[in-house]
Amino acid sequence: MNSEVIQLVQHSWAKVTPIASQAAALFYRNLFTLDPSLKSLFQGDMEEQGKRLMEMIGTAVQKLDNLETVVPVLRSLGKRHVRYGVKEEHYQTVGTALLTTLAQGLGEHFTPQVKEAWTLVYGVMADVMMKAAYHNA
């Protein structure tokens, strides 16, 4: 992951932060539209869940230039999600929902370069989580 990718993701995330609660609601709407069966995995307060999601993404985005510090958190998160019933194939749906949400929230600022950067970053994070959760890595 090069500095240009990191900068694109960090700058675009800075535009999402002021609308984090709306972005979270939009993300879950997109996620459940893509796969309505995923609703059953979420038992608690969705507003609180959305807040935690935005905080987790924000923390990871801030630390992209030192990703090693985030890897243990991502591994733990991946393992925890297994207990909630998350399956490996759900990660692709989550990635699609995230990119759709970013496109909707950022509008014209969601350039092909920004999309490519987010695709790479999400892929790296999801890979770490899946390896920890399903492949004992």
N, C-alpha and C. Protein backbone atom coordinates (compact mmCIF):
# COMPACT_ATOMS: atom_id res chain seq x y z
N MET A 1 0.86 -1.17 0.00
CA MET A 1 0.00 0.00 0.00
C MET A 1 0.91 1.24 0.00
N ASN A 2 0.79 2.03 -1.04
CA ASN A 2 1.68 3.18 -1.15
C ASN A 2 1.07 4.45 -0.53
N SER A 3 1.87 5.49 -0.46
CA SER A 3 1.44 6.73 0.20
C SER A 3 0.28 7.39 -0.54
N GLU A 4 0.19 7.23 -1.85
CA GLU A 4 -0.92 7.83 -2.60
C GLU A 4 -2.25 7.17 -2.20
N VAL A 5 -2.24 5.85 -2.09
CA VAL A 5 -3.44 5.12 -1.67
C VAL A 5 -3.85 5.57 -0.27
N ILE A 6 -2.89 5.63 0.63
CA ILE A 6 -3.17 6.04 2.00
C ILE A 6 -3.76 7.45 2.03
N GLN A 7 -3.17 8.35 1.28
CA GLN A 7 -3.65 9.73 1.26
C GLN A 7 -5.06 9.83 0.69
N LEU A 8 -5.34 9.11 -0.39
CA LEU A 8 -6.68 9.12 -0.98
C LEU A 8 -7.73 8.64 0.02
N VAL A 9 -7.41 7.55 0.71
CA VAL A 9 -8.36 6.99 1.67
C VAL A 9 -8.53 7.94 2.86
N GLN A 10 -7.44 8.45 3.38
CA GLN A 10 -7.54 9.35 4.54
C GLN A 10 -8.28 10.64 4.19
N HIS A 11 -8.01 11.22 3.04
CA HIS A 11 -8.69 12.47 2.65
C HIS A 11 -10.17 12.24 2.39
N SER A 12 -10.50 11.12 1.76
CA SER A 12 -11.91 10.86 1.50
C SER A 12 -12.65 10.53 2.80
N TRP A 13 -11.98 9.83 3.71
CA TRP A 13 -12.62 9.51 5.00
C TRP A 13 -12.89 10.78 5.80
N ALA A 14 -12.02 11.76 5.68
CA ALA A 14 -12.21 13.04 6.38
C ALA A 14 -13.51 13.70 5.94
N LYS A 15 -13.95 13.43 4.73
CA LYS A 15 -15.22 13.98 4.25
C LYS A 15 -16.42 13.19 4.80
N VAL A 16 -16.19 11.95 5.16
CA VAL A 16 -17.25 11.10 5.70
C VAL A 16 -17.47 11.37 7.19
N THR A 17 -16.40 11.66 7.90
CA THR A 17 -16.47 11.81 9.36
C THR A 17 -17.58 12.76 9.83
N PRO A 18 -17.77 13.93 9.21
CA PRO A 18 -18.83 14.82 9.68
C PRO A 18 -20.24 14.25 9.51
N ILE A 19 -20.39 13.28 8.62
CA ILE A 19 -21.71 12.68 8.39
C ILE A 19 -21.70 11.20 8.78
N ALA A 20 -20.90 10.86 9.78
CA ALA A 20 -20.69 9.46 10.15
C ALA A 20 -21.98 8.72 10.50
N SER A 21 -22.87 9.33 11.26
CA SER A 21 -24.09 8.61 11.64
C SER A 21 -24.97 8.34 10.43
N GLN A 22 -25.07 9.31 9.52
CA GLN A 22 -25.85 9.10 8.30
C GLN A 22 -25.17 8.06 7.41
N ALA A 23 -23.84 8.11 7.34
CA ALA A 23 -23.10 7.14 6.53
C ALA A 23 -23.29 5.73 7.07
N ALA A 24 -23.29 5.59 8.39
CA ALA A 24 -23.49 4.27 9.00
C ALA A 24 -24.88 3.73 8.66
N ALA A 25 -25.89 4.57 8.80
CA ALA A 25 -27.26 4.15 8.48
C ALA A 25 -27.37 3.75 7.01
N LEU A 26 -26.75 4.53 6.15
CA LEU A 26 -26.75 4.24 4.72
C LEU A 26 -26.02 2.94 4.43
N PHE A 27 -24.89 2.71 5.11
CA PHE A 27 -24.14 1.47 4.94
C PHE A 27 -25.02 0.26 5.26
N TYR A 28 -25.69 0.29 6.41
CA TYR A 28 -26.50 -0.86 6.79
C TYR A 28 -27.69 -1.03 5.86
N ARG A 29 -28.27 0.06 5.39
CA ARG A 29 -29.35 -0.03 4.41
C ARG A 29 -28.83 -0.71 3.13
N ASN A 30 -27.66 -0.30 2.67
CA ASN A 30 -27.07 -0.92 1.49
C ASN A 30 -26.75 -2.39 1.73
N LEU A 31 -26.18 -2.68 2.90
CA LEU A 31 -25.82 -4.06 3.24
C LEU A 31 -27.05 -4.96 3.23
N PHE A 32 -28.13 -4.52 3.88
CA PHE A 32 -29.33 -5.34 3.99
C PHE A 32 -30.09 -5.41 2.67
N THR A 33 -29.91 -4.44 1.80
CA THR A 33 -30.49 -4.51 0.46
C THR A 33 -29.76 -5.57 -0.36
N LEU A 34 -28.44 -5.60 -0.23
CA LEU A 34 -27.64 -6.60 -0.94
C LEU A 34 -27.91 -8.01 -0.44
N ASP A 35 -28.09 -8.16 0.86
CA ASP A 35 -28.32 -9.48 1.45
C ASP A 35 -29.20 -9.34 2.70
N PRO A 36 -30.52 -9.40 2.51
CA PRO A 36 -31.44 -9.23 3.64
C PRO A 36 -31.22 -10.24 4.78
N SER A 37 -30.65 -11.40 4.47
CA SER A 37 -30.43 -12.41 5.52
C SER A 37 -29.42 -11.94 6.56
N LEU A 38 -28.61 -10.95 6.22
CA LEU A 38 -27.61 -10.46 7.17
C LEU A 38 -28.23 -9.70 8.35
N LYS A 39 -29.46 -9.24 8.19
CA LYS A 39 -30.14 -8.53 9.29
C LYS A 39 -30.15 -9.36 10.56
N SER A 40 -30.28 -10.66 10.41
CA SER A 40 -30.38 -11.54 11.59
C SER A 40 -29.08 -11.59 12.39
N LEU A 41 -27.97 -11.14 11.82
CA LEU A 41 -26.70 -11.15 12.55
C LEU A 41 -26.57 -9.95 13.49
N PHE A 42 -27.47 -9.00 13.37
CA PHE A 42 -27.38 -7.77 14.16
C PHE A 42 -28.52 -7.73 15.16
N GLN A 43 -28.19 -7.98 16.42
CA GLN A 43 -29.20 -8.09 17.47
C GLN A 43 -29.38 -6.82 18.28
N GLY A 44 -28.36 -5.99 18.35
CA GLY A 44 -28.39 -4.84 19.25
C GLY A 44 -28.89 -3.56 18.60
N ASP A 45 -28.60 -2.48 19.26
CA ASP A 45 -28.95 -1.14 18.82
C ASP A 45 -28.14 -0.80 17.57
N MET A 46 -28.82 -0.61 16.45
CA MET A 46 -28.12 -0.37 15.19
C MET A 46 -27.42 0.99 15.17
N GLU A 47 -27.94 1.94 15.91
CA GLU A 47 -27.26 3.24 15.98
C GLU A 47 -25.90 3.09 16.66
N GLU A 48 -25.89 2.33 17.75
CA GLU A 48 -24.63 2.06 18.46
C GLU A 48 -23.69 1.23 17.60
N GLN A 49 -24.24 0.24 16.91
CA GLN A 49 -23.44 -0.59 16.01
C GLN A 49 -22.81 0.28 14.92
N GLY A 50 -23.57 1.19 14.37
CA GLY A 50 -23.06 2.09 13.34
C GLY A 50 -21.96 2.99 13.87
N LYS A 51 -22.13 3.45 15.09
CA LYS A 51 -21.10 4.30 15.71
C LYS A 51 -19.79 3.52 15.86
N ARG A 52 -19.90 2.27 16.33
CA ARG A 52 -18.70 1.43 16.49
C ARG A 52 -18.04 1.15 15.14
N LEU A 53 -18.86 0.91 14.12
CA LEU A 53 -18.33 0.67 12.78
C LEU A 53 -17.53 1.87 12.28
N MET A 54 -18.11 3.05 12.41
CA MET A 54 -17.44 4.27 11.93
C MET A 54 -16.15 4.53 12.72
N GLU A 55 -16.19 4.27 14.03
CA GLU A 55 -14.98 4.46 14.85
C GLU A 55 -13.89 3.48 14.44
N MET A 56 -14.27 2.23 14.18
CA MET A 56 -13.29 1.22 13.79
C MET A 56 -12.66 1.57 12.44
N ILE A 57 -13.50 1.94 11.49
CA ILE A 57 -12.96 2.32 10.18
C ILE A 57 -12.06 3.55 10.33
N GLY A 58 -12.51 4.52 11.11
CA GLY A 58 -11.73 5.73 11.33
C GLY A 58 -10.37 5.44 11.93
N THR A 59 -10.33 4.56 12.91
CA THR A 59 -9.06 4.20 13.54
C THR A 59 -8.14 3.52 12.54
N ALA A 60 -8.69 2.58 11.79
CA ALA A 60 -7.87 1.88 10.79
C ALA A 60 -7.35 2.85 9.74
N VAL A 61 -8.19 3.76 9.29
CA VAL A 61 -7.79 4.73 8.27
C VAL A 61 -6.67 5.63 8.79
N GLN A 62 -6.79 6.07 10.04
CA GLN A 62 -5.75 6.93 10.63
C GLN A 62 -4.40 6.23 10.69
N LYS A 63 -4.43 4.92 10.86
CA LYS A 63 -3.19 4.17 11.09
C LYS A 63 -2.71 3.42 9.85
N LEU A 64 -3.21 3.78 8.69
CA LEU A 64 -2.82 3.08 7.47
C LEU A 64 -1.32 3.14 7.20
N ASP A 65 -0.70 4.23 7.61
CA ASP A 65 0.74 4.35 7.36
C ASP A 65 1.56 3.53 8.36
N ASN A 66 0.89 2.92 9.32
CA ASN A 66 1.54 2.04 10.29
C ASN A 66 0.58 0.88 10.56
N LEU A 67 0.24 0.17 9.51
CA LEU A 67 -0.80 -0.85 9.55
C LEU A 67 -0.52 -1.96 10.56
N GLU A 68 0.75 -2.21 10.86
CA GLU A 68 1.09 -3.27 11.81
C GLU A 68 0.40 -3.04 13.16
N THR A 69 0.14 -1.78 13.51
CA THR A 69 -0.51 -1.50 14.79
C THR A 69 -1.99 -1.86 14.76
N VAL A 70 -2.57 -1.96 13.58
CA VAL A 70 -3.99 -2.27 13.45
C VAL A 70 -4.23 -3.77 13.27
N VAL A 71 -3.23 -4.48 12.78
CA VAL A 71 -3.40 -5.91 12.47
C VAL A 71 -3.92 -6.71 13.67
N PRO A 72 -3.38 -6.57 14.88
CA PRO A 72 -3.91 -7.34 16.01
C PRO A 72 -5.40 -7.05 16.27
N VAL A 73 -5.80 -5.81 16.12
CA VAL A 73 -7.20 -5.44 16.32
C VAL A 73 -8.07 -6.09 15.24
N LEU A 74 -7.61 -6.05 14.00
CA LEU A 74 -8.36 -6.67 12.90
C LEU A 74 -8.47 -8.18 13.08
N ARG A 75 -7.40 -8.81 13.53
CA ARG A 75 -7.44 -10.26 13.77
C ARG A 75 -8.48 -10.60 14.84
N SER A 76 -8.44 -9.86 15.92
CA SER A 76 -9.40 -10.07 17.01
C SER A 76 -10.83 -9.84 16.53
N LEU A 77 -11.01 -8.81 15.76
CA LEU A 77 -12.33 -8.48 15.22
C LEU A 77 -12.83 -9.60 14.30
N GLY A 78 -11.95 -10.11 13.47
CA GLY A 78 -12.32 -11.21 12.58
C GLY A 78 -12.76 -12.44 13.35
N LYS A 79 -12.02 -12.80 14.39
CA LYS A 79 -12.37 -13.96 15.22
C LYS A 79 -13.70 -13.74 15.93
N ARG A 80 -13.91 -12.52 16.43
CA ARG A 80 -15.15 -12.20 17.14
C ARG A 80 -16.35 -12.29 16.19
N HIS A 81 -16.18 -11.87 14.95
CA HIS A 81 -17.29 -11.90 14.00
C HIS A 81 -17.75 -13.32 13.69
N VAL A 82 -16.87 -14.30 13.81
CA VAL A 82 -17.27 -15.69 13.61
C VAL A 82 -18.33 -16.07 14.64
N ARG A 83 -18.13 -15.63 15.87
CA ARG A 83 -19.09 -15.94 16.94
C ARG A 83 -20.45 -15.31 16.68
N TYR A 84 -20.47 -14.24 15.90
CA TYR A 84 -21.74 -13.58 15.56
C TYR A 84 -22.43 -14.25 14.37
N GLY A 85 -21.75 -15.21 13.75
CA GLY A 85 -22.33 -15.91 12.61
C GLY A 85 -21.87 -15.40 11.25
N VAL A 86 -20.87 -14.54 11.24
CA VAL A 86 -20.36 -14.00 9.98
C VAL A 86 -19.58 -15.10 9.25
N LYS A 87 -19.88 -15.24 7.98
CA LYS A 87 -19.20 -16.23 7.14
C LYS A 87 -18.24 -15.52 6.19
N GLU A 88 -17.29 -16.27 5.69
CA GLU A 88 -16.26 -15.70 4.83
C GLU A 88 -16.86 -14.98 3.62
N GLU A 89 -17.92 -15.54 3.05
CA GLU A 89 -18.52 -14.93 1.86
C GLU A 89 -19.20 -13.59 2.16
N HIS A 90 -19.49 -13.33 3.41
CA HIS A 90 -20.12 -12.05 3.77
C HIS A 90 -19.18 -10.86 3.56
N TYR A 91 -17.89 -11.12 3.62
CA TYR A 91 -16.92 -10.02 3.49
C TYR A 91 -17.02 -9.33 2.13
N GLN A 92 -17.32 -10.07 1.09
CA GLN A 92 -17.48 -9.46 -0.23
C GLN A 92 -18.71 -8.55 -0.24
N THR A 93 -19.79 -9.00 0.37
CA THR A 93 -21.00 -8.19 0.43
C THR A 93 -20.76 -6.92 1.23
N VAL A 94 -20.04 -7.04 2.34
CA VAL A 94 -19.71 -5.87 3.16
C VAL A 94 -18.86 -4.89 2.34
N GLY A 95 -17.90 -5.41 1.60
CA GLY A 95 -17.06 -4.55 0.76
C GLY A 95 -17.87 -3.80 -0.27
N THR A 96 -18.80 -4.49 -0.90
CA THR A 96 -19.67 -3.85 -1.89
C THR A 96 -20.53 -2.77 -1.24
N ALA A 97 -21.08 -3.08 -0.06
CA ALA A 97 -21.90 -2.09 0.66
C ALA A 97 -21.07 -0.88 1.05
N LEU A 98 -19.83 -1.11 1.47
CA LEU A 98 -18.96 0.00 1.85
C LEU A 98 -18.67 0.89 0.65
N LEU A 99 -18.29 0.30 -0.47
CA LEU A 99 -17.99 1.10 -1.66
C LEU A 99 -19.22 1.85 -2.16
N THR A 100 -20.38 1.21 -2.10
CA THR A 100 -21.62 1.87 -2.51
C THR A 100 -21.91 3.05 -1.61
N THR A 101 -21.74 2.86 -0.32
CA THR A 101 -21.97 3.93 0.65
C THR A 101 -21.01 5.09 0.43
N LEU A 102 -19.75 4.78 0.22
CA LEU A 102 -18.76 5.83 -0.04
C LEU A 102 -19.11 6.59 -1.32
N ALA A 103 -19.53 5.88 -2.34
CA ALA A 103 -19.91 6.54 -3.60
C ALA A 103 -21.09 7.48 -3.37
N GLN A 104 -22.08 7.02 -2.61
CA GLN A 104 -23.25 7.85 -2.34
C GLN A 104 -22.89 9.05 -1.47
N GLY A 105 -22.07 8.81 -0.46
CA GLY A 105 -21.73 9.87 0.49
C GLY A 105 -20.75 10.90 -0.05
N LEU A 106 -19.82 10.44 -0.88
CA LEU A 106 -18.79 11.34 -1.40
C LEU A 106 -19.17 11.99 -2.72
N GLY A 107 -20.11 11.41 -3.42
CA GLY A 107 -20.55 11.98 -4.69
C GLY A 107 -19.39 12.13 -5.67
N GLU A 108 -19.21 13.34 -6.18
CA GLU A 108 -18.16 13.60 -7.18
C GLU A 108 -16.75 13.38 -6.64
N HIS A 109 -16.62 13.35 -5.33
CA HIS A 109 -15.29 13.12 -4.73
C HIS A 109 -14.91 11.63 -4.74
N PHE A 110 -15.87 10.78 -5.09
CA PHE A 110 -15.59 9.35 -5.19
C PHE A 110 -15.11 9.05 -6.61
N THR A 111 -13.88 9.43 -6.86
CA THR A 111 -13.28 9.27 -8.19
C THR A 111 -12.86 7.82 -8.40
N PRO A 112 -12.55 7.45 -9.63
CA PRO A 112 -12.04 6.08 -9.85
C PRO A 112 -10.80 5.78 -9.01
N GLN A 113 -9.96 6.78 -8.78
CA GLN A 113 -8.76 6.57 -7.97
C GLN A 113 -9.12 6.32 -6.51
N VAL A 114 -10.10 7.06 -6.01
CA VAL A 114 -10.55 6.87 -4.63
C VAL A 114 -11.18 5.48 -4.49
N LYS A 115 -11.99 5.10 -5.46
CA LYS A 115 -12.61 3.77 -5.43
C LYS A 115 -11.54 2.68 -5.41
N GLU A 116 -10.55 2.82 -6.25
CA GLU A 116 -9.47 1.84 -6.31
C GLU A 116 -8.70 1.77 -4.98
N ALA A 117 -8.46 2.93 -4.39
CA ALA A 117 -7.74 2.98 -3.10
C ALA A 117 -8.55 2.29 -2.01
N TRP A 118 -9.85 2.60 -1.93
CA TRP A 118 -10.70 1.98 -0.92
C TRP A 118 -10.83 0.47 -1.16
N THR A 119 -10.90 0.07 -2.42
CA THR A 119 -10.98 -1.35 -2.73
C THR A 119 -9.75 -2.08 -2.22
N LEU A 120 -8.59 -1.49 -2.42
CA LEU A 120 -7.34 -2.07 -1.94
C LEU A 120 -7.31 -2.13 -0.41
N VAL A 121 -7.63 -1.02 0.22
CA VAL A 121 -7.58 -0.95 1.69
C VAL A 121 -8.57 -1.93 2.32
N TYR A 122 -9.81 -1.95 1.82
CA TYR A 122 -10.78 -2.89 2.36
C TYR A 122 -10.31 -4.33 2.14
N GLY A 123 -9.76 -4.61 0.98
CA GLY A 123 -9.26 -5.95 0.68
C GLY A 123 -8.19 -6.39 1.66
N VAL A 124 -7.28 -5.51 1.98
CA VAL A 124 -6.22 -5.83 2.95
C VAL A 124 -6.82 -6.10 4.32
N MET A 125 -7.71 -5.21 4.77
CA MET A 125 -8.32 -5.38 6.10
C MET A 125 -9.15 -6.65 6.17
N ALA A 126 -9.97 -6.89 5.15
CA ALA A 126 -10.81 -8.08 5.14
C ALA A 126 -9.96 -9.34 5.10
N ASP A 127 -8.87 -9.30 4.35
CA ASP A 127 -7.97 -10.45 4.26
C ASP A 127 -7.38 -10.80 5.63
N VAL A 128 -6.95 -9.79 6.36
CA VAL A 128 -6.40 -10.02 7.71
C VAL A 128 -7.47 -10.63 8.61
N MET A 129 -8.68 -10.08 8.56
CA MET A 129 -9.76 -10.58 9.40
C MET A 129 -10.14 -12.01 9.03
N MET A 130 -10.26 -12.29 7.73
CA MET A 130 -10.65 -13.63 7.30
C MET A 130 -9.59 -14.67 7.62
N LYS A 131 -8.33 -14.33 7.42
CA LYS A 131 -7.26 -15.29 7.73
C LYS A 131 -7.26 -15.63 9.21
N ALA A 132 -7.47 -14.64 10.05
CA ALA A 132 -7.50 -14.89 11.50
C ALA A 132 -8.73 -15.72 11.88
N ALA A 133 -9.85 -15.43 11.23
CA ALA A 133 -11.11 -16.07 11.60
C ALA A 133 -11.26 -17.48 11.05
N TYR A 134 -10.81 -17.69 9.83
CA TYR A 134 -11.12 -18.95 9.15
C TYR A 134 -9.91 -19.79 8.77
N HIS A 135 -8.72 -19.22 8.88
CA HIS A 135 -7.53 -19.93 8.41
C HIS A 135 -6.41 -19.97 9.46
N ASN A 136 -6.74 -19.63 10.70
CA ASN A 136 -5.79 -19.64 11.81
C ASN A 136 -4.48 -18.93 11.51
N ALA A 137 -4.57 -17.80 10.83
CA ALA A 137 -3.34 -17.04 10.52
C ALA A 137 -3.26 -15.79 11.36
